[in-house]
């Protein structure tokens, strides 16, 4: 499943193009991240990785303009 999610990330022009893996935004410690489900409670967490990340006027990441990401964690998801 990890190979499939990595291929999905490579193929997407932006994060909003992701449709599988239940993609959703996480807000942790003023650091916005995204998570994709893998299998059996495992997930892949990533963040925007631009020199200056695109932002909305409210200060949140503008995920529709994110084209570079950094994978932060692959492991069990603790909800």
PDB file of N, CA and C in Angstrom:
ATOM      1  N   UNK A   1       0.830  -1.189   0.000  1.00  0.00           N
ATOM      2  CA  UNK A   1       0.000   0.000   0.000  1.00  0.00           C
ATOM      3  C   UNK A   1       0.881   1.262   0.000  1.00  0.00           C
ATOM      4  N   UNK A   2       2.004   1.197   0.693  1.00  0.00           N
ATOM      5  CA  UNK A   2       2.911   2.346   0.726  1.00  0.00           C
ATOM      6  C   UNK A   2       3.368   2.717  -0.685  1.00  0.00           C
ATOM      7  N   UNK A   3       3.720   1.734  -1.486  1.00  0.00           N
ATOM      8  CA  UNK A   3       4.147   2.009  -2.867  1.00  0.00           C
ATOM      9  C   UNK A   3       3.039   2.703  -3.652  1.00  0.00           C
ATOM     10  N   UNK A   4       1.795   2.274  -3.430  1.00  0.00           N
ATOM     11  CA  UNK A   4       0.675   2.902  -4.130  1.00  0.00           C
ATOM     12  C   UNK A   4       0.501   4.361  -3.704  1.00  0.00           C
ATOM     13  N   UNK A   5       0.589   4.642  -2.402  1.00  0.00           N
ATOM     14  CA  UNK A   5       0.425   6.014  -1.919  1.00  0.00           C
ATOM     15  C   UNK A   5       1.559   6.899  -2.401  1.00  0.00           C
ATOM     16  N   UNK A   6       2.790   6.387  -2.429  1.00  0.00           N
ATOM     17  CA  UNK A   6       3.912   7.173  -2.943  1.00  0.00           C
ATOM     18  C   UNK A   6       3.732   7.475  -4.428  1.00  0.00           C
ATOM     19  N   UNK A   7       3.232   6.503  -5.176  1.00  0.00           N
ATOM     20  CA  UNK A   7       2.956   6.732  -6.602  1.00  0.00           C
ATOM     21  C   UNK A   7       1.856   7.777  -6.768  1.00  0.00           C
ATOM     22  N   UNK A   8       0.834   7.724  -5.912  1.00  0.00           N
ATOM     23  CA  UNK A   8      -0.238   8.728  -5.959  1.00  0.00           C
ATOM     24  C   UNK A   8       0.323  10.117  -5.695  1.00  0.00           C
ATOM     25  N   UNK A   9       1.226  10.233  -4.724  1.00  0.00           N
ATOM     26  CA  UNK A   9       1.830  11.530  -4.410  1.00  0.00           C
ATOM     27  C   UNK A   9       2.648  12.052  -5.588  1.00  0.00           C
ATOM     28  N   UNK A  10       3.405  11.165  -6.226  1.00  0.00           N
ATOM     29  CA  UNK A  10       4.208  11.574  -7.385  1.00  0.00           C
ATOM     30  C   UNK A  10       3.329  12.033  -8.540  1.00  0.00           C
ATOM     31  N   UNK A  11       2.206  11.371  -8.741  1.00  0.00           N
ATOM     32  CA  UNK A  11       1.337  11.667  -9.881  1.00  0.00           C
ATOM     33  C   UNK A  11       0.494  12.928  -9.683  1.00  0.00           C
ATOM     34  N   UNK A  12       0.274  13.318  -8.445  1.00  0.00           N
ATOM     35  CA  UNK A  12      -0.593  14.467  -8.165  1.00  0.00           C
ATOM     36  C   UNK A  12       0.129  15.782  -8.475  1.00  0.00           C
ATOM     37  N   UNK A  13      -0.570  16.684  -9.143  1.00  0.00           N
ATOM     38  CA  UNK A  13      -0.017  18.019  -9.414  1.00  0.00           C
ATOM     39  C   UNK A  13       0.004  18.846  -8.136  1.00  0.00           C
ATOM     40  N   UNK A  14      -0.986  18.612  -7.268  1.00  0.00           N
ATOM     41  CA  UNK A  14      -1.030  19.262  -5.961  1.00  0.00           C
ATOM     42  C   UNK A  14      -1.744  18.318  -4.998  1.00  0.00           C
ATOM     43  N   UNK A  15      -1.668  18.605  -3.737  1.00  0.00           N
ATOM     44  CA  UNK A  15      -2.236  17.740  -2.702  1.00  0.00           C
ATOM     45  C   UNK A  15      -3.739  17.559  -2.879  1.00  0.00           C
ATOM     46  N   UNK A  16      -4.405  18.571  -3.388  1.00  0.00           N
ATOM     47  CA  UNK A  16      -5.855  18.482  -3.580  1.00  0.00           C
ATOM     48  C   UNK A  16      -6.248  17.463  -4.650  1.00  0.00           C
ATOM     49  N   UNK A  17      -5.294  16.979  -5.447  1.00  0.00           N
ATOM     50  CA  UNK A  17      -5.576  15.961  -6.461  1.00  0.00           C
ATOM     51  C   UNK A  17      -5.660  14.557  -5.868  1.00  0.00           C
ATOM     52  N   UNK A  18      -5.254  14.390  -4.624  1.00  0.00           N
ATOM     53  CA  UNK A  18      -5.284  13.070  -3.992  1.00  0.00           C
ATOM     54  C   UNK A  18      -6.725  12.683  -3.669  1.00  0.00           C
ATOM     55  N   UNK A  19      -7.110  11.464  -4.068  1.00  0.00           N
ATOM     56  CA  UNK A  19      -8.481  11.034  -3.805  1.00  0.00           C
ATOM     57  C   UNK A  19      -8.541   9.738  -2.998  1.00  0.00           C
ATOM     58  N   UNK A  20      -7.467   8.974  -2.953  1.00  0.00           N
ATOM     59  CA  UNK A  20      -7.477   7.722  -2.190  1.00  0.00           C
ATOM     60  C   UNK A  20      -6.637   7.870  -0.930  1.00  0.00           C
ATOM     61  N   UNK A  21      -6.879   7.023   0.032  1.00  0.00           N
ATOM     62  CA  UNK A  21      -6.124   7.067   1.273  1.00  0.00           C
ATOM     63  C   UNK A  21      -6.717   8.006   2.306  1.00  0.00           C
ATOM     64  N   UNK A  22      -7.958   8.456   2.079  1.00  0.00           N
ATOM     65  CA  UNK A  22      -8.631   9.353   3.031  1.00  0.00           C
ATOM     66  C   UNK A  22      -7.748  10.551   3.391  1.00  0.00           C
ATOM     67  N   UNK A  23      -7.274  11.316   2.399  1.00  0.00           N
ATOM     68  CA  UNK A  23      -6.387  12.452   2.695  1.00  0.00           C
ATOM     69  C   UNK A  23      -7.098  13.505   3.549  1.00  0.00           C
ATOM     70  N   UNK A  24      -6.384  13.978   4.580  1.00  0.00           N
ATOM     71  CA  UNK A  24      -6.967  14.998   5.447  1.00  0.00           C
ATOM     72  C   UNK A  24      -5.857  15.821   6.075  1.00  0.00           C
ATOM     73  N   UNK A  25      -6.216  17.037   6.410  1.00  0.00           N
ATOM     74  CA  UNK A  25      -5.267  17.976   6.995  1.00  0.00           C
ATOM     75  C   UNK A  25      -5.196  17.791   8.497  1.00  0.00           C
ATOM     76  N   UNK A  26      -3.993  17.899   9.033  1.00  0.00           N
ATOM     77  CA  UNK A  26      -3.763  17.874  10.472  1.00  0.00           C
ATOM     78  C   UNK A  26      -3.200  19.225  10.876  1.00  0.00           C
ATOM     79  N   UNK A  27      -3.604  19.730  11.998  1.00  0.00           N
ATOM     80  CA  UNK A  27      -3.018  20.957  12.544  1.00  0.00           C
ATOM     81  C   UNK A  27      -2.362  20.599  13.864  1.00  0.00           C
ATOM     82  N   UNK A  28      -1.048  20.616  13.864  1.00  0.00           N
ATOM     83  CA  UNK A  28      -0.293  20.250  15.058  1.00  0.00           C
ATOM     84  C   UNK A  28       0.727  21.329  15.376  1.00  0.00           C
ATOM     85  N   UNK A  29       0.628  21.892  16.546  1.00  0.00           N
ATOM     86  CA  UNK A  29       1.635  22.850  17.039  1.00  0.00           C
ATOM     87  C   UNK A  29       1.991  23.909  16.010  1.00  0.00           C
ATOM     88  N   UNK A  30       0.984  24.545  15.430  1.00  0.00           N
ATOM     89  CA  UNK A  30       1.174  25.598  14.435  1.00  0.00           C
ATOM     90  C   UNK A  30       1.923  25.110  13.196  1.00  0.00           C
ATOM     91  N   UNK A  31       1.914  23.813  12.972  1.00  0.00           N
ATOM     92  CA  UNK A  31       2.607  23.229  11.830  1.00  0.00           C
ATOM     93  C   UNK A  31       1.598  22.377  11.093  1.00  0.00           C
ATOM     94  N   UNK A  32       1.197  22.801   9.906  1.00  0.00           N
ATOM     95  CA  UNK A  32       0.133  22.112   9.184  1.00  0.00           C
ATOM     96  C   UNK A  32       0.690  20.926   8.400  1.00  0.00           C
ATOM     97  N   UNK A  33       0.020  19.799   8.549  1.00  0.00           N
ATOM     98  CA  UNK A  33       0.443  18.563   7.923  1.00  0.00           C
ATOM     99  C   UNK A  33      -0.747  17.892   7.264  1.00  0.00           C
ATOM    100  N   UNK A  34      -0.452  16.924   6.411  1.00  0.00           N
ATOM    101  CA  UNK A  34      -1.474  16.114   5.766  1.00  0.00           C
ATOM    102  C   UNK A  34      -1.185  14.663   6.116  1.00  0.00           C
ATOM    103  N   UNK A  35      -2.225  13.844   6.140  1.00  0.00           N
ATOM    104  CA  UNK A  35      -2.060  12.426   6.422  1.00  0.00           C
ATOM    105  C   UNK A  35      -2.824  11.619   5.379  1.00  0.00           C
ATOM    106  N   UNK A  36      -2.229  10.503   4.979  1.00  0.00           N
ATOM    107  CA  UNK A  36      -2.870   9.533   4.087  1.00  0.00           C
ATOM    108  C   UNK A  36      -2.897   8.194   4.810  1.00  0.00           C
ATOM    109  N   UNK A  37      -4.041   7.530   4.801  1.00  0.00           N
ATOM    110  CA  UNK A  37      -4.136   6.201   5.398  1.00  0.00           C
ATOM    111  C   UNK A  37      -3.448   5.190   4.493  1.00  0.00           C
ATOM    112  N   UNK A  38      -2.775   4.225   5.119  1.00  0.00           N
ATOM    113  CA  UNK A  38      -2.158   3.132   4.375  1.00  0.00           C
ATOM    114  C   UNK A  38      -3.014   1.875   4.563  1.00  0.00           C
ATOM    115  N   UNK A  39      -2.739   1.104   5.610  1.00  0.00           N
ATOM    116  CA  UNK A  39      -3.494  -0.114   5.894  1.00  0.00           C
ATOM    117  C   UNK A  39      -3.314  -0.475   7.366  1.00  0.00           C
ATOM    118  N   UNK A  40      -4.322  -1.096   7.955  1.00  0.00           N
ATOM    119  CA  UNK A  40      -4.263  -1.607   9.332  1.00  0.00           C
ATOM    120  C   UNK A  40      -3.815  -0.564  10.352  1.00  0.00           C
ATOM    121  N   UNK A  41      -4.324   0.664  10.226  1.00  0.00           N
ATOM    122  CA  UNK A  41      -4.003   1.704  11.202  1.00  0.00           C
ATOM    123  C   UNK A  41      -2.699   2.434  10.948  1.00  0.00           C
ATOM    124  N   UNK A  42      -2.045   2.171   9.831  1.00  0.00           N
ATOM    125  CA  UNK A  42      -0.809   2.865   9.487  1.00  0.00           C
ATOM    126  C   UNK A  42      -1.130   4.040   8.567  1.00  0.00           C
ATOM    127  N   UNK A  43      -0.287   5.044   8.618  1.00  0.00           N
ATOM    128  CA  UNK A  43      -0.494   6.221   7.798  1.00  0.00           C
ATOM    129  C   UNK A  43       0.820   6.868   7.397  1.00  0.00           C
ATOM    130  N   UNK A  44       0.727   7.814   6.480  1.00  0.00           N
ATOM    131  CA  UNK A  44       1.862   8.567   5.988  1.00  0.00           C
ATOM    132  C   UNK A  44       1.561  10.040   6.239  1.00  0.00           C
ATOM    133  N   UNK A  45       2.426  10.703   6.985  1.00  0.00           N
ATOM    134  CA  UNK A  45       2.238  12.117   7.333  1.00  0.00           C
ATOM    135  C   UNK A  45       3.280  12.943   6.594  1.00  0.00           C
ATOM    136  N   UNK A  46       2.824  14.036   5.985  1.00  0.00           N
ATOM    137  CA  UNK A  46       3.746  14.902   5.253  1.00  0.00           C
ATOM    138  C   UNK A  46       3.351  16.362   5.440  1.00  0.00           C
ATOM    139  N   UNK A  47       4.269  17.252   5.053  1.00  0.00           N
ATOM    140  CA  UNK A  47       4.025  18.693   5.139  1.00  0.00           C
ATOM    141  C   UNK A  47       4.480  19.333   3.829  1.00  0.00           C
ATOM    142  N   UNK A  48       4.099  20.578   3.632  1.00  0.00           N
ATOM    143  CA  UNK A  48       4.557  21.344   2.473  1.00  0.00           C
ATOM    144  C   UNK A  48       6.053  21.595   2.624  1.00  0.00           C
ATOM    145  N   UNK A  49       6.769  21.618   1.491  1.00  0.00           N
ATOM    146  CA  UNK A  49       8.222  21.761   1.552  1.00  0.00           C
ATOM    147  C   UNK A  49       8.736  22.727   0.483  1.00  0.00           C
ATOM    148  N   UNK A  50       8.189  23.928   0.479  1.00  0.00           N
ATOM    149  CA  UNK A  50       8.667  24.987  -0.407  1.00  0.00           C
ATOM    150  C   UNK A  50       9.595  25.896   0.402  1.00  0.00           C
ATOM    151  N   UNK A  51      10.432  26.674  -0.273  1.00  0.00           N
ATOM    152  CA  UNK A  51      11.243  27.655   0.452  1.00  0.00           C
ATOM    153  C   UNK A  51      10.337  28.580   1.255  1.00  0.00           C
ATOM    154  N   UNK A  52       9.277  29.053   0.620  1.00  0.00           N
ATOM    155  CA  UNK A  52       8.223  29.811   1.291  1.00  0.00           C
ATOM    156  C   UNK A  52       6.913  29.116   0.945  1.00  0.00           C
ATOM    157  N   UNK A  53       6.318  28.438   1.919  1.00  0.00           N
ATOM    158  CA  UNK A  53       5.097  27.681   1.657  1.00  0.00           C
ATOM    159  C   UNK A  53       3.947  28.618   1.298  1.00  0.00           C
ATOM    160  N   UNK A  54       3.151  28.249   0.279  1.00  0.00           N
ATOM    161  CA  UNK A  54       2.005  29.081  -0.098  1.00  0.00           C
ATOM    162  C   UNK A  54       0.977  29.120   1.036  1.00  0.00           C
ATOM    163  N   UNK A  55       0.476  30.304   1.310  1.00  0.00           N
ATOM    164  CA  UNK A  55      -0.471  30.470   2.409  1.00  0.00           C
ATOM    165  C   UNK A  55      -1.707  31.222   1.965  1.00  0.00           C
ATOM    166  N   UNK A  56      -2.799  30.907   2.650  1.00  0.00           N
ATOM    167  CA  UNK A  56      -4.048  31.643   2.476  1.00  0.00           C
ATOM    168  C   UNK A  56      -3.974  32.918   3.305  1.00  0.00           C
ATOM    169  N   UNK A  57      -4.901  33.811   3.117  1.00  0.00           N
ATOM    170  CA  UNK A  57      -4.898  35.070   3.876  1.00  0.00           C
ATOM    171  C   UNK A  57      -5.047  34.838   5.378  1.00  0.00           C
ATOM    172  N   UNK A  58      -5.633  33.702   5.775  1.00  0.00           N
ATOM    173  CA  UNK A  58      -5.809  33.396   7.196  1.00  0.00           C
ATOM    174  C   UNK A  58      -4.545  32.794   7.816  1.00  0.00           C
ATOM    175  N   UNK A  59      -3.518  32.555   6.998  1.00  0.00           N
ATOM    176  CA  UNK A  59      -2.261  32.035   7.512  1.00  0.00           C
ATOM    177  C   UNK A  59      -2.097  30.530   7.384  1.00  0.00           C
ATOM    178  N   UNK A  60      -3.153  29.815   6.977  1.00  0.00           N
ATOM    179  CA  UNK A  60      -3.058  28.375   6.792  1.00  0.00           C
ATOM    180  C   UNK A  60      -2.401  28.061   5.455  1.00  0.00           C
ATOM    181  N   UNK A  61      -1.856  26.867   5.332  1.00  0.00           N
ATOM    182  CA  UNK A  61      -1.226  26.433   4.091  1.00  0.00           C
ATOM    183  C   UNK A  61      -2.259  26.367   2.975  1.00  0.00           C
ATOM    184  N   UNK A  62      -1.919  26.908   1.814  1.00  0.00           N
ATOM    185  CA  UNK A  62      -2.782  26.812   0.638  1.00  0.00           C
ATOM    186  C   UNK A  62      -2.405  25.526  -0.104  1.00  0.00           C
ATOM    187  N   UNK A  63      -3.054  24.432   0.288  1.00  0.00           N
ATOM    188  CA  UNK A  63      -2.709  23.115  -0.248  1.00  0.00           C
ATOM    189  C   UNK A  63      -2.947  23.014  -1.753  1.00  0.00           C
ATOM    190  N   UNK A  64      -3.779  23.863  -2.324  1.00  0.00           N
ATOM    191  CA  UNK A  64      -4.010  23.809  -3.765  1.00  0.00           C
ATOM    192  C   UNK A  64      -2.786  24.276  -4.553  1.00  0.00           C
ATOM    193  N   UNK A  65      -1.849  24.944  -3.890  1.00  0.00           N
ATOM    194  CA  UNK A  65      -0.643  25.440  -4.550  1.00  0.00           C
ATOM    195  C   UNK A  65       0.619  24.697  -4.112  1.00  0.00           C
ATOM    196  N   UNK A  66       0.473  23.710  -3.253  1.00  0.00           N
ATOM    197  CA  UNK A  66       1.625  22.935  -2.784  1.00  0.00           C
ATOM    198  C   UNK A  66       1.981  21.882  -3.821  1.00  0.00           C
ATOM    199  N   UNK A  67       3.216  21.923  -4.289  1.00  0.00           N
ATOM    200  CA  UNK A  67       3.684  20.931  -5.261  1.00  0.00           C
ATOM    201  C   UNK A  67       4.926  20.197  -4.761  1.00  0.00           C
ATOM    202  N   UNK A  68       5.454  20.608  -3.624  1.00  0.00           N
ATOM    203  CA  UNK A  68       6.610  19.947  -3.005  1.00  0.00           C
ATOM    204  C   UNK A  68       6.241  19.564  -1.587  1.00  0.00           C
ATOM    205  N   UNK A  69       6.525  18.317  -1.233  1.00  0.00           N
ATOM    206  CA  UNK A  69       6.213  17.860   0.119  1.00  0.00           C
ATOM    207  C   UNK A  69       7.424  17.198   0.758  1.00  0.00           C
ATOM    208  N   UNK A  70       7.362  17.061   2.070  1.00  0.00           N
ATOM    209  CA  UNK A  70       8.375  16.356   2.845  1.00  0.00           C
ATOM    210  C   UNK A  70       7.644  15.312   3.676  1.00  0.00           C
ATOM    211  N   UNK A  71       8.030  14.049   3.538  1.00  0.00           N
ATOM    212  CA  UNK A  71       7.424  12.986   4.333  1.00  0.00           C
ATOM    213  C   UNK A  71       8.030  13.041   5.731  1.00  0.00           C
ATOM    214  N   UNK A  72       7.164  13.151   6.734  1.00  0.00           N
ATOM    215  CA  UNK A  72       7.605  13.283   8.116  1.00  0.00           C
ATOM    216  C   UNK A  72       7.565  11.971   8.888  1.00  0.00           C
ATOM    217  N   UNK A  73       6.571  11.117   8.575  1.00  0.00           N
ATOM    218  CA  UNK A  73       6.414   9.898   9.348  1.00  0.00           C
ATOM    219  C   UNK A  73       5.609   8.882   8.553  1.00  0.00           C
ATOM    220  N   UNK A  74       6.001   7.636   8.677  1.00  0.00           N
ATOM    221  CA  UNK A  74       5.237   6.502   8.170  1.00  0.00           C
ATOM    222  C   UNK A  74       5.137   5.533   9.333  1.00  0.00           C
ATOM    223  N   UNK A  75       3.928   5.325   9.830  1.00  0.00           N
ATOM    224  CA  UNK A  75       3.776   4.461  10.988  1.00  0.00           C
ATOM    225  C   UNK A  75       2.344   4.400  11.479  1.00  0.00           C
ATOM    226  N   UNK A  76       2.188   3.839  12.686  1.00  0.00           N
ATOM    227  CA  UNK A  76       0.861   3.725  13.293  1.00  0.00           C
ATOM    228  C   UNK A  76       0.279   5.112  13.541  1.00  0.00           C
ATOM    229  N   UNK A  77      -1.011   5.228  13.263  1.00  0.00           N
ATOM    230  CA  UNK A  77      -1.705   6.496  13.481  1.00  0.00           C
ATOM    231  C   UNK A  77      -2.324   6.478  14.874  1.00  0.00           C
ATOM    232  N   UNK A  78      -1.997   7.475  15.661  1.00  0.00           N
ATOM    233  CA  UNK A  78      -2.590   7.615  16.994  1.00  0.00           C
ATOM    234  C   UNK A  78      -3.618   8.717  16.934  1.00  0.00           C
ATOM    235  N   UNK A  79      -4.904   8.349  16.870  1.00  0.00           N
ATOM    236  CA  UNK A  79      -5.971   9.360  16.777  1.00  0.00           C
ATOM    237  C   UNK A  79      -6.210  10.040  18.081  1.00  0.00           C
TER     238      UNK A  79
END
